[in-house]
Amino acid sequence: MSEVSNCPKCDMDNTYFDGVINVCPDCSHEWTDSEEQAVADDMARDSNGAELADGDAVTVIKDLKVKGSSMVIKRGTKVKSIRLTDNPEEVDCKIDGSSIVLKTCFLKK
C-alpha cells in the first residue's frame, strides 16, 4: 500500500486514503493521486472557497496553537482587517495585539 502524501491544500501530514480518494481531516480537502495539483490559483480563498481580499473580516474554524508561544487561537475568533501575503495560502492579521500569519484553510469569511 502506498503512503499518502501531505495535503496539497494545507500541507498537513494527517491524511488518509479512504478507499477511493485521499482525505485531509484538518481542512476537509479531498483529492486523488491522478489529479494535477500544478494548477495554481493566485487568489486567496477561505476554507469554503470564497475569495479573500485585503481588509476582509474572517472567523477561525479550528483551535490553533501558535508556534513559539503558549497562545491558543480559539475556534470562532473573529479577525478583522486581514492583509494578503505573497503566498495565496496565508494571510497576515493581528490577534490580541500580536501580528500573526494564518493559513487560509483554517478561516471562513
PDB file of N, CA and C in Angstrom:
ATOM      1  N   MET A   1       0.844  -1.180   0.000  1.00  0.00           N
ATOM      2  CA  MET A   1       0.000   0.000   0.000  1.00  0.00           C
ATOM      3  C   MET A   1       0.881   1.233   0.000  1.00  0.00           C
ATOM      4  N   SER A   2       0.571   2.177  -0.860  1.00  0.00           N
ATOM      5  CA  SER A   2       1.397   3.378  -0.947  1.00  0.00           C
ATOM      6  C   SER A   2       1.041   4.354   0.172  1.00  0.00           C
ATOM      7  N   GLU A   3       2.022   5.120   0.557  1.00  0.00           N
ATOM      8  CA  GLU A   3       1.827   6.084   1.632  1.00  0.00           C
ATOM      9  C   GLU A   3       1.169   7.351   1.075  1.00  0.00           C
ATOM     10  N   VAL A   4       0.224   7.895   1.802  1.00  0.00           N
ATOM     11  CA  VAL A   4      -0.474   9.105   1.369  1.00  0.00           C
ATOM     12  C   VAL A   4       0.416  10.315   1.663  1.00  0.00           C
ATOM     13  N   SER A   5       0.504  11.213   0.702  1.00  0.00           N
ATOM     14  CA  SER A   5       1.344  12.400   0.850  1.00  0.00           C
ATOM     15  C   SER A   5       0.643  13.456   1.703  1.00  0.00           C
ATOM     16  N   ASN A   6       1.358  14.535   1.981  1.00  0.00           N
ATOM     17  CA  ASN A   6       0.773  15.659   2.716  1.00  0.00           C
ATOM     18  C   ASN A   6      -0.352  16.274   1.897  1.00  0.00           C
ATOM     19  N   CYS A   7      -1.257  16.921   2.586  1.00  0.00           N
ATOM     20  CA  CYS A   7      -2.381  17.584   1.932  1.00  0.00           C
ATOM     21  C   CYS A   7      -1.859  18.706   1.026  1.00  0.00           C
ATOM     22  N   PRO A   8      -2.273  18.750  -0.237  1.00  0.00           N
ATOM     23  CA  PRO A   8      -1.802  19.813  -1.124  1.00  0.00           C
ATOM     24  C   PRO A   8      -2.385  21.186  -0.785  1.00  0.00           C
ATOM     25  N   LYS A   9      -3.449  21.220   0.006  1.00  0.00           N
ATOM     26  CA  LYS A   9      -4.082  22.497   0.338  1.00  0.00           C
ATOM     27  C   LYS A   9      -3.479  23.125   1.598  1.00  0.00           C
ATOM     28  N   CYS A  10      -3.355  22.341   2.684  1.00  0.00           N
ATOM     29  CA  CYS A  10      -2.864  22.910   3.946  1.00  0.00           C
ATOM     30  C   CYS A  10      -1.504  22.348   4.362  1.00  0.00           C
ATOM     31  N   ASP A  11      -0.964  21.392   3.625  1.00  0.00           N
ATOM     32  CA  ASP A  11       0.354  20.791   3.844  1.00  0.00           C
ATOM     33  C   ASP A  11       0.462  20.058   5.180  1.00  0.00           C
ATOM     34  N   MET A  12      -0.657  19.634   5.749  1.00  0.00           N
ATOM     35  CA  MET A  12      -0.636  18.843   6.979  1.00  0.00           C
ATOM     36  C   MET A  12      -0.387  17.378   6.605  1.00  0.00           C
ATOM     37  N   ASP A  13       0.242  16.628   7.507  1.00  0.00           N
ATOM     38  CA  ASP A  13       0.556  15.234   7.213  1.00  0.00           C
ATOM     39  C   ASP A  13      -0.468  14.257   7.802  1.00  0.00           C
ATOM     40  N   ASN A  14      -1.533  14.753   8.375  1.00  0.00           N
ATOM     41  CA  ASN A  14      -2.577  13.926   8.976  1.00  0.00           C
ATOM     42  C   ASN A  14      -3.607  13.562   7.903  1.00  0.00           C
ATOM     43  N   THR A  15      -3.177  12.797   6.874  1.00  0.00           N
ATOM     44  CA  THR A  15      -4.053  12.439   5.768  1.00  0.00           C
ATOM     45  C   THR A  15      -4.237  10.926   5.716  1.00  0.00           C
ATOM     46  N   TYR A  16      -5.298  10.494   5.034  1.00  0.00           N
ATOM     47  CA  TYR A  16      -5.540   9.066   4.895  1.00  0.00           C
ATOM     48  C   TYR A  16      -6.251   8.781   3.580  1.00  0.00           C
ATOM     49  N   PHE A  17      -6.176   7.535   3.146  1.00  0.00           N
ATOM     50  CA  PHE A  17      -6.838   7.073   1.933  1.00  0.00           C
ATOM     51  C   PHE A  17      -8.085   6.303   2.352  1.00  0.00           C
ATOM     52  N   ASP A  18      -9.263   6.724   1.878  1.00  0.00           N
ATOM     53  CA  ASP A  18     -10.499   6.082   2.330  1.00  0.00           C
ATOM     54  C   ASP A  18     -11.012   5.003   1.377  1.00  0.00           C
ATOM     55  N   GLY A  19     -10.179   4.562   0.456  1.00  0.00           N
ATOM     56  CA  GLY A  19     -10.572   3.529  -0.494  1.00  0.00           C
ATOM     57  C   GLY A  19     -10.792   4.063  -1.886  1.00  0.00           C
ATOM     58  N   VAL A  20     -11.166   5.336  -2.000  1.00  0.00           N
ATOM     59  CA  VAL A  20     -11.409   5.957  -3.298  1.00  0.00           C
ATOM     60  C   VAL A  20     -10.564   7.216  -3.467  1.00  0.00           C
ATOM     61  N   ILE A  21     -10.542   8.054  -2.449  1.00  0.00           N
ATOM     62  CA  ILE A  21      -9.827   9.328  -2.523  1.00  0.00           C
ATOM     63  C   ILE A  21      -8.982   9.539  -1.273  1.00  0.00           C
ATOM     64  N   ASN A  22      -8.063  10.467  -1.364  1.00  0.00           N
ATOM     65  CA  ASN A  22      -7.271  10.890  -0.211  1.00  0.00           C
ATOM     66  C   ASN A  22      -8.038  11.979   0.520  1.00  0.00           C
ATOM     67  N   VAL A  23      -7.985  11.970   1.860  1.00  0.00           N
ATOM     68  CA  VAL A  23      -8.753  12.922   2.664  1.00  0.00           C
ATOM     69  C   VAL A  23      -7.840  13.560   3.704  1.00  0.00           C
ATOM     70  N   CYS A  24      -8.000  14.877   3.900  1.00  0.00           N
ATOM     71  CA  CYS A  24      -7.308  15.596   4.965  1.00  0.00           C
ATOM     72  C   CYS A  24      -8.361  16.001   6.002  1.00  0.00           C
ATOM     73  N   PRO A  25      -8.343  15.407   7.193  1.00  0.00           N
ATOM     74  CA  PRO A  25      -9.351  15.752   8.197  1.00  0.00           C
ATOM     75  C   PRO A  25      -9.157  17.149   8.795  1.00  0.00           C
ATOM     76  N   ASP A  26      -7.979  17.739   8.629  1.00  0.00           N
ATOM     77  CA  ASP A  26      -7.718  19.075   9.188  1.00  0.00           C
ATOM     78  C   ASP A  26      -8.444  20.168   8.419  1.00  0.00           C
ATOM     79  N   CYS A  27      -8.404  20.097   7.070  1.00  0.00           N
ATOM     80  CA  CYS A  27      -9.042  21.159   6.275  1.00  0.00           C
ATOM     81  C   CYS A  27     -10.171  20.631   5.397  1.00  0.00           C
ATOM     82  N   SER A  28     -10.480  19.334   5.494  1.00  0.00           N
ATOM     83  CA  SER A  28     -11.564  18.678   4.748  1.00  0.00           C
ATOM     84  C   SER A  28     -11.337  18.653   3.241  1.00  0.00           C
ATOM     85  N   HIS A  29     -10.084  18.762   2.812  1.00  0.00           N
ATOM     86  CA  HIS A  29      -9.766  18.711   1.385  1.00  0.00           C
ATOM     87  C   HIS A  29      -9.715  17.261   0.937  1.00  0.00           C
ATOM     88  N   GLU A  30     -10.253  16.977  -0.247  1.00  0.00           N
ATOM     89  CA  GLU A  30     -10.238  15.638  -0.820  1.00  0.00           C
ATOM     90  C   GLU A  30      -9.591  15.698  -2.188  1.00  0.00           C
ATOM     91  N   TRP A  31      -8.746  14.702  -2.522  1.00  0.00           N
ATOM     92  CA  TRP A  31      -8.073  14.696  -3.808  1.00  0.00           C
ATOM     93  C   TRP A  31      -7.720  13.267  -4.193  1.00  0.00           C
ATOM     94  N   THR A  32      -7.442  13.078  -5.472  1.00  0.00           N
ATOM     95  CA  THR A  32      -6.999  11.783  -5.959  1.00  0.00           C
ATOM     96  C   THR A  32      -5.548  11.888  -6.368  1.00  0.00           C
ATOM     97  N   ASP A  33      -4.884  10.748  -6.452  1.00  0.00           N
ATOM     98  CA  ASP A  33      -3.474  10.752  -6.845  1.00  0.00           C
ATOM     99  C   ASP A  33      -3.293  11.212  -8.282  1.00  0.00           C
ATOM    100  N   SER A  34      -4.278  10.990  -9.121  1.00  0.00           N
ATOM    101  CA  SER A  34      -4.143  11.338 -10.529  1.00  0.00           C
ATOM    102  C   SER A  34      -4.411  12.819 -10.808  1.00  0.00           C
ATOM    103  N   GLU A  35      -4.967  13.525  -9.832  1.00  0.00           N
ATOM    104  CA  GLU A  35      -5.237  14.949 -10.037  1.00  0.00           C
ATOM    105  C   GLU A  35      -3.943  15.724 -10.186  1.00  0.00           C
ATOM    106  N   GLU A  36      -3.956  16.674 -11.049  1.00  0.00           N
ATOM    107  CA  GLU A  36      -2.806  17.559 -11.205  1.00  0.00           C
ATOM    108  C   GLU A  36      -2.935  18.705 -10.214  1.00  0.00           C
ATOM    109  N   GLN A  37      -2.018  18.785  -9.274  1.00  0.00           N
ATOM    110  CA  GLN A  37      -2.030  19.856  -8.285  1.00  0.00           C
ATOM    111  C   GLN A  37      -1.224  21.051  -8.760  1.00  0.00           C
ATOM    112  N   ALA A  38      -0.719  20.988  -9.991  1.00  0.00           N
ATOM    113  CA  ALA A  38       0.117  22.060 -10.510  1.00  0.00           C
ATOM    114  C   ALA A  38      -0.695  23.287 -10.917  1.00  0.00           C
ATOM    115  N   VAL A  39      -2.002  23.143 -11.008  1.00  0.00           N
ATOM    116  CA  VAL A  39      -2.833  24.284 -11.376  1.00  0.00           C
ATOM    117  C   VAL A  39      -2.855  25.246 -10.200  1.00  0.00           C
ATOM    118  N   ALA A  40      -2.216  26.369 -10.377  1.00  0.00           N
ATOM    119  CA  ALA A  40      -2.093  27.329  -9.277  1.00  0.00           C
ATOM    120  C   ALA A  40      -3.200  28.368  -9.361  1.00  0.00           C
ATOM    121  N   ASP A  41      -3.791  28.644  -8.232  1.00  0.00           N
ATOM    122  CA  ASP A  41      -4.815  29.672  -8.145  1.00  0.00           C
ATOM    123  C   ASP A  41      -4.193  30.846  -7.391  1.00  0.00           C
ATOM    124  N   ASP A  42      -4.087  31.986  -8.048  1.00  0.00           N
ATOM    125  CA  ASP A  42      -3.425  33.135  -7.443  1.00  0.00           C
ATOM    126  C   ASP A  42      -4.309  33.876  -6.450  1.00  0.00           C
ATOM    127  N   MET A  43      -5.585  33.523  -6.363  1.00  0.00           N
ATOM    128  CA  MET A  43      -6.490  34.187  -5.427  1.00  0.00           C
ATOM    129  C   MET A  43      -6.464  33.468  -4.084  1.00  0.00           C
ATOM    130  N   ALA A  44      -6.431  34.238  -3.023  1.00  0.00           N
ATOM    131  CA  ALA A  44      -6.526  33.664  -1.683  1.00  0.00           C
ATOM    132  C   ALA A  44      -7.982  33.280  -1.451  1.00  0.00           C
ATOM    133  N   ARG A  45      -8.192  32.048  -0.975  1.00  0.00           N
ATOM    134  CA  ARG A  45      -9.546  31.552  -0.736  1.00  0.00           C
ATOM    135  C   ARG A  45      -9.641  30.978   0.668  1.00  0.00           C
ATOM    136  N   ASP A  46     -10.810  31.136   1.296  1.00  0.00           N
ATOM    137  CA  ASP A  46     -11.006  30.578   2.641  1.00  0.00           C
ATOM    138  C   ASP A  46     -11.331  29.093   2.549  1.00  0.00           C
ATOM    139  N   SER A  47     -11.661  28.472   3.661  1.00  0.00           N
ATOM    140  CA  SER A  47     -11.918  27.036   3.698  1.00  0.00           C
ATOM    141  C   SER A  47     -13.135  26.631   2.871  1.00  0.00           C
ATOM    142  N   ASN A  48     -14.046  27.550   2.619  1.00  0.00           N
ATOM    143  CA  ASN A  48     -15.235  27.274   1.821  1.00  0.00           C
ATOM    144  C   ASN A  48     -15.073  27.650   0.360  1.00  0.00           C
ATOM    145  N   GLY A  49     -13.927  28.204  -0.015  1.00  0.00           N
ATOM    146  CA  GLY A  49     -13.671  28.576  -1.404  1.00  0.00           C
ATOM    147  C   GLY A  49     -14.009  30.017  -1.737  1.00  0.00           C
ATOM    148  N   ALA A  50     -14.451  30.805  -0.769  1.00  0.00           N
ATOM    149  CA  ALA A  50     -14.761  32.205  -1.014  1.00  0.00           C
ATOM    150  C   ALA A  50     -13.461  33.005  -1.151  1.00  0.00           C
ATOM    151  N   GLU A  51     -13.434  33.930  -2.101  1.00  0.00           N
ATOM    152  CA  GLU A  51     -12.241  34.740  -2.324  1.00  0.00           C
ATOM    153  C   GLU A  51     -12.042  35.721  -1.178  1.00  0.00           C
ATOM    154  N   LEU A  52     -10.797  35.867  -0.752  1.00  0.00           N
ATOM    155  CA  LEU A  52     -10.452  36.801   0.313  1.00  0.00           C
ATOM    156  C   LEU A  52      -9.764  38.014  -0.289  1.00  0.00           C
ATOM    157  N   ALA A  53      -9.970  39.167   0.328  1.00  0.00           N
ATOM    158  CA  ALA A  53      -9.349  40.411  -0.120  1.00  0.00           C
ATOM    159  C   ALA A  53      -8.807  41.153   1.092  1.00  0.00           C
ATOM    160  N   ASP A  54      -7.916  42.100   0.850  1.00  0.00           N
ATOM    161  CA  ASP A  54      -7.387  42.929   1.936  1.00  0.00           C
ATOM    162  C   ASP A  54      -8.539  43.617   2.667  1.00  0.00           C
ATOM    163  N   GLY A  55      -8.490  43.596   3.994  1.00  0.00           N
ATOM    164  CA  GLY A  55      -9.495  44.277   4.802  1.00  0.00           C
ATOM    165  C   GLY A  55     -10.699  43.428   5.160  1.00  0.00           C
ATOM    166  N   ASP A  56     -10.787  42.214   4.652  1.00  0.00           N
ATOM    167  CA  ASP A  56     -11.912  41.339   4.981  1.00  0.00           C
ATOM    168  C   ASP A  56     -11.885  40.938   6.455  1.00  0.00           C
ATOM    169  N   ALA A  57     -13.047  40.591   6.972  1.00  0.00           N
ATOM    170  CA  ALA A  57     -13.160  40.034   8.319  1.00  0.00           C
ATOM    171  C   ALA A  57     -13.437  38.540   8.171  1.00  0.00           C
ATOM    172  N   VAL A  58     -12.712  37.716   8.926  1.00  0.00           N
ATOM    173  CA  VAL A  58     -12.850  36.268   8.855  1.00  0.00           C
ATOM    174  C   VAL A  58     -12.997  35.682  10.253  1.00  0.00           C
ATOM    175  N   THR A  59     -13.392  34.413  10.302  1.00  0.00           N
ATOM    176  CA  THR A  59     -13.544  33.690  11.557  1.00  0.00           C
ATOM    177  C   THR A  59     -12.673  32.441  11.511  1.00  0.00           C
ATOM    178  N   VAL A  60     -12.013  32.131  12.622  1.00  0.00           N
ATOM    179  CA  VAL A  60     -11.182  30.937  12.725  1.00  0.00           C
ATOM    180  C   VAL A  60     -12.097  29.734  12.932  1.00  0.00           C
ATOM    181  N   ILE A  61     -11.884  28.637  12.187  1.00  0.00           N
ATOM    182  CA  ILE A  61     -12.779  27.480  12.243  1.00  0.00           C
ATOM    183  C   ILE A  61     -12.237  26.338  13.097  1.00  0.00           C
ATOM    184  N   LYS A  62     -11.019  26.489  13.654  1.00  0.00           N
ATOM    185  CA  LYS A  62     -10.407  25.414  14.434  1.00  0.00           C
ATOM    186  C   LYS A  62      -9.494  26.034  15.477  1.00  0.00           C
ATOM    187  N   ASP A  63      -9.408  25.428  16.669  1.00  0.00           N
ATOM    188  CA  ASP A  63      -8.443  25.892  17.667  1.00  0.00           C
ATOM    189  C   ASP A  63      -7.042  25.740  17.094  1.00  0.00           C
ATOM    190  N   LEU A  64      -6.254  26.816  17.147  1.00  0.00           N
ATOM    191  CA  LEU A  64      -4.905  26.804  16.584  1.00  0.00           C
ATOM    192  C   LEU A  64      -3.883  27.148  17.649  1.00  0.00           C
ATOM    193  N   LYS A  65      -2.854  26.300  17.792  1.00  0.00           N
ATOM    194  CA  LYS A  65      -1.746  26.596  18.690  1.00  0.00           C
ATOM    195  C   LYS A  65      -0.757  27.465  17.927  1.00  0.00           C
ATOM    196  N   VAL A  66      -0.286  28.524  18.564  1.00  0.00           N
ATOM    197  CA  VAL A  66       0.670  29.429  17.938  1.00  0.00           C
ATOM    198  C   VAL A  66       2.072  28.906  18.229  1.00  0.00           C
ATOM    199  N   LYS A  67       2.837  28.648  17.167  1.00  0.00           N
ATOM    200  CA  LYS A  67       4.194  28.125  17.345  1.00  0.00           C
ATOM    201  C   LYS A  67       5.056  29.140  18.070  1.00  0.00           C
ATOM    202  N   GLY A  68       5.880  28.665  18.990  1.00  0.00           N
ATOM    203  CA  GLY A  68       6.792  29.525  19.728  1.00  0.00           C
ATOM    204  C   GLY A  68       6.126  30.317  20.828  1.00  0.00           C
ATOM    205  N   SER A  69       4.896  29.955  21.165  1.00  0.00           N
ATOM    206  CA  SER A  69       4.150  30.686  22.177  1.00  0.00           C
ATOM    207  C   SER A  69       3.192  29.711  22.867  1.00  0.00           C
ATOM    208  N   SER A  70       2.715  30.102  24.027  1.00  0.00           N
ATOM    209  CA  SER A  70       1.708  29.290  24.704  1.00  0.00           C
ATOM    210  C   SER A  70       0.300  29.736  24.314  1.00  0.00           C
ATOM    211  N   MET A  71       0.214  30.681  23.407  1.00  0.00           N
ATOM    212  CA  MET A  71      -1.064  31.249  22.968  1.00  0.00           C
ATOM    213  C   MET A  71      -1.842  30.245  22.111  1.00  0.00           C
ATOM    214  N   VAL A  72      -3.158  30.181  22.314  1.00  0.00           N
ATOM    215  CA  VAL A  72      -4.048  29.366  21.502  1.00  0.00           C
ATOM    216  C   VAL A  72      -5.126  30.281  20.942  1.00  0.00           C
ATOM    217  N   ILE A  73      -5.323  30.208  19.635  1.00  0.00           N
ATOM    218  CA  ILE A  73      -6.391  30.976  18.988  1.00  0.00           C
ATOM    219  C   ILE A  73      -7.612  30.064  18.958  1.00  0.00           C
ATOM    220  N   LYS A  74      -8.653  30.444  19.666  1.00  0.00           N
ATOM    221  CA  LYS A  74      -9.842  29.612  19.817  1.00  0.00           C
ATOM    222  C   LYS A  74     -10.711  29.653  18.560  1.00  0.00           C
ATOM    223  N   ARG A  75     -11.409  28.551  18.326  1.00  0.00           N
ATOM    224  CA  ARG A  75     -12.370  28.465  17.233  1.00  0.00           C
ATOM    225  C   ARG A  75     -13.444  29.527  17.448  1.00  0.00           C
ATOM    226  N   GLY A  76     -13.831  30.207  16.386  1.00  0.00           N
ATOM    227  CA  GLY A  76     -14.846  31.249  16.475  1.00  0.00           C
ATOM    228  C   GLY A  76     -14.274  32.637  16.668  1.00  0.00           C
ATOM    229  N   THR A  77     -12.946  32.746  16.822  1.00  0.00           N
ATOM    230  CA  THR A  77     -12.324  34.061  16.978  1.00  0.00           C
ATOM    231  C   THR A  77     -12.508  34.857  15.691  1.00  0.00           C
ATOM    232  N   LYS A  78     -13.017  36.071  15.815  1.00  0.00           N
ATOM    233  CA  LYS A  78     -13.212  36.938  14.652  1.00  0.00           C
ATOM    234  C   LYS A  78     -11.954  37.775  14.443  1.00  0.00           C
ATOM    235  N   VAL A  79     -11.477  37.783  13.214  1.00  0.00           N
ATOM    236  CA  VAL A  79     -10.277  38.528  12.848  1.00  0.00           C
ATOM    237  C   VAL A  79     -10.686  39.583  11.837  1.00  0.00           C
ATOM    238  N   LYS A  80     -10.426  40.845  12.156  1.00  0.00           N
ATOM    239  CA  LYS A  80     -10.800  41.948  11.271  1.00  0.00           C
ATOM    240  C   LYS A  80      -9.588  42.445  10.516  1.00  0.00           C
ATOM    241  N   SER A  81      -9.807  43.001   9.362  1.00  0.00           N
ATOM    242  CA  SER A  81      -8.788  43.653   8.544  1.00  0.00           C
ATOM    243  C   SER A  81      -7.580  42.761   8.256  1.00  0.00           C
ATOM    244  N   ILE A  82      -7.836  41.654   7.578  1.00  0.00           N
ATOM    245  CA  ILE A  82      -6.724  40.793   7.187  1.00  0.00           C
ATOM    246  C   ILE A  82      -5.951  41.444   6.048  1.00  0.00           C
ATOM    247  N   ARG A  83      -4.698  41.044   5.896  1.00  0.00           N
ATOM    248  CA  ARG A  83      -3.855  41.518   4.800  1.00  0.00           C
ATOM    249  C   ARG A  83      -3.336  40.310   4.047  1.00  0.00           C
ATOM    250  N   LEU A  84      -3.467  40.322   2.719  1.00  0.00           N
ATOM    251  CA  LEU A  84      -2.986  39.215   1.904  1.00  0.00           C
ATOM    252  C   LEU A  84      -1.466  39.266   1.822  1.00  0.00           C
ATOM    253  N   THR A  85      -0.848  38.096   1.681  1.00  0.00           N
ATOM    254  CA  THR A  85       0.600  37.994   1.548  1.00  0.00           C
ATOM    255  C   THR A  85       0.924  37.541   0.125  1.00  0.00           C
ATOM    256  N   ASP A  86       2.201  37.368  -0.157  1.00  0.00           N
ATOM    257  CA  ASP A  86       2.611  36.873  -1.473  1.00  0.00           C
ATOM    258  C   ASP A  86       2.150  35.441  -1.697  1.00  0.00           C
ATOM    259  N   ASN A  87       1.997  34.682  -0.614  1.00  0.00           N
ATOM    260  CA  ASN A  87       1.521  33.309  -0.683  1.00  0.00           C
ATOM    261  C   ASN A  87      -0.007  33.320  -0.582  1.00  0.00           C
ATOM    262  N   PRO A  88      -0.738  32.828  -1.590  1.00  0.00           N
ATOM    263  CA  PRO A  88      -2.204  32.864  -1.527  1.00  0.00           C
ATOM    264  C   PRO A  88      -2.799  31.964  -0.455  1.00  0.00           C
ATOM    265  N   GLU A  89      -1.994  31.107   0.164  1.00  0.00           N
ATOM    266  CA  GLU A  89      -2.499  30.225   1.218  1.00  0.00           C
ATOM    267  C   GLU A  89      -2.329  30.819   2.607  1.00  0.00           C
ATOM    268  N   GLU A  90      -1.810  32.047   2.717  1.00  0.00           N
ATOM    269  CA  GLU A  90      -1.570  32.664   4.015  1.00  0.00           C
ATOM    270  C   GLU A  90      -2.077  34.105   4.023  1.00  0.00           C
ATOM    271  N   VAL A  91      -2.543  34.547   5.200  1.00  0.00           N
ATOM    272  CA  VAL A  91      -2.927  35.943   5.398  1.00  0.00           C
ATOM    273  C   VAL A  91      -2.259  36.452   6.673  1.00  0.00           C
ATOM    274  N   ASP A  92      -1.994  37.734   6.698  1.00  0.00           N
ATOM    275  CA  ASP A  92      -1.385  38.381   7.856  1.00  0.00           C
ATOM    276  C   ASP A  92      -2.497  39.109   8.601  1.00  0.00           C
ATOM    277  N   CYS A  93      -2.471  39.044   9.936  1.00  0.00           N
ATOM    278  CA  CYS A  93      -3.512  39.696  10.727  1.00  0.00           C
ATOM    279  C   CYS A  93      -2.985  39.991  12.121  1.00  0.00           C
ATOM    280  N   LYS A  94      -3.780  40.710  12.902  1.00  0.00           N
ATOM    281  CA  LYS A  94      -3.450  40.981  14.297  1.00  0.00           C
ATOM    282  C   LYS A  94      -4.520  40.361  15.179  1.00  0.00           C
ATOM    283  N   ILE A  95      -4.052  39.582  16.169  1.00  0.00           N
ATOM    284  CA  ILE A  95      -4.946  38.973  17.154  1.00  0.00           C
ATOM    285  C   ILE A  95      -4.381  39.295  18.526  1.00  0.00           C
ATOM    286  N   ASP A  96      -5.170  39.932  19.359  1.00  0.00           N
ATOM    287  CA  ASP A  96      -4.756  40.344  20.709  1.00  0.00           C
ATOM    288  C   ASP A  96      -3.460  41.148  20.680  1.00  0.00           C
ATOM    289  N   GLY A  97      -3.299  42.007  19.683  1.00  0.00           N
ATOM    290  CA  GLY A  97      -2.123  42.870  19.586  1.00  0.00           C
ATOM    291  C   GLY A  97      -0.906  42.209  18.985  1.00  0.00           C
ATOM    292  N   SER A  98      -0.965  40.912  18.670  1.00  0.00           N
ATOM    293  CA  SER A  98       0.160  40.197  18.073  1.00  0.00           C
ATOM    294  C   SER A  98      -0.071  40.025  16.578  1.00  0.00           C
ATOM    295  N   SER A  99       0.934  40.323  15.786  1.00  0.00           N
ATOM    296  CA  SER A  99       0.855  40.122  14.348  1.00  0.00           C
ATOM    297  C   SER A  99       1.115  38.648  14.056  1.00  0.00           C
ATOM    298  N   ILE A 100       0.171  37.983  13.379  1.00  0.00           N
ATOM    299  CA  ILE A 100       0.223  36.548  13.149  1.00  0.00           C
ATOM    300  C   ILE A 100      -0.107  36.255  11.687  1.00  0.00           C
ATOM    301  N   VAL A 101       0.543  35.240  11.128  1.00  0.00           N
ATOM    302  CA  VAL A 101       0.224  34.749   9.791  1.00  0.00           C
ATOM    303  C   VAL A 101      -0.597  33.480   9.953  1.00  0.00           C
ATOM    304  N   LEU A 102      -1.774  33.442   9.333  1.00  0.00           N
ATOM    305  CA  LEU A 102      -2.661  32.282   9.426  1.00  0.00           C
ATOM    306  C   LEU A 102      -2.843  31.659   8.051  1.00  0.00           C
ATOM    307  N   LYS A 103      -3.001  30.339   8.023  1.00  0.00           N
ATOM    308  CA  LYS A 103      -3.304  29.653   6.768  1.00  0.00           C
ATOM    309  C   LYS A 103      -4.785  29.849   6.457  1.00  0.00           C
ATOM    310  N   THR A 104      -5.088  30.071   5.190  1.00  0.00           N
ATOM    311  CA  THR A 104      -6.463  30.349   4.779  1.00  0.00           C
ATOM    312  C   THR A 104      -7.374  29.141   4.944  1.00  0.00           C
ATOM    313  N   CYS A 105      -6.821  27.931   5.005  1.00  0.00           N
ATOM    314  CA  CYS A 105      -7.659  26.742   5.151  1.00  0.00           C
ATOM    315  C   CYS A 105      -8.311  26.658   6.530  1.00  0.00           C
ATOM    316  N   PHE A 106      -7.866  27.475   7.485  1.00  0.00           N
ATOM    317  CA  PHE A 106      -8.442  27.499   8.833  1.00  0.00           C
ATOM    318  C   PHE A 106      -9.326  28.725   9.060  1.00  0.00           C
ATOM    319  N   LEU A 107      -9.711  29.396   7.975  1.00  0.00           N
ATOM    320  CA  LEU A 107     -10.514  30.615   8.070  1.00  0.00           C
ATOM    321  C   LEU A 107     -11.776  30.477   7.240  1.00  0.00           C
ATOM    322  N   LYS A 108     -12.819  31.189   7.653  1.00  0.00           N
ATOM    323  CA  LYS A 108     -14.018  31.319   6.810  1.00  0.00           C
ATOM    324  C   LYS A 108     -14.461  32.768   6.817  1.00  0.00           C
ATOM    325  N   LYS A 109     -14.987  33.206   5.705  1.00  0.00           N
ATOM    326  CA  LYS A 109     -15.389  34.588   5.533  1.00  0.00           C
ATOM    327  C   LYS A 109     -16.704  34.856   6.223  1.00  0.00           C
TER     328      LYS A 109
END
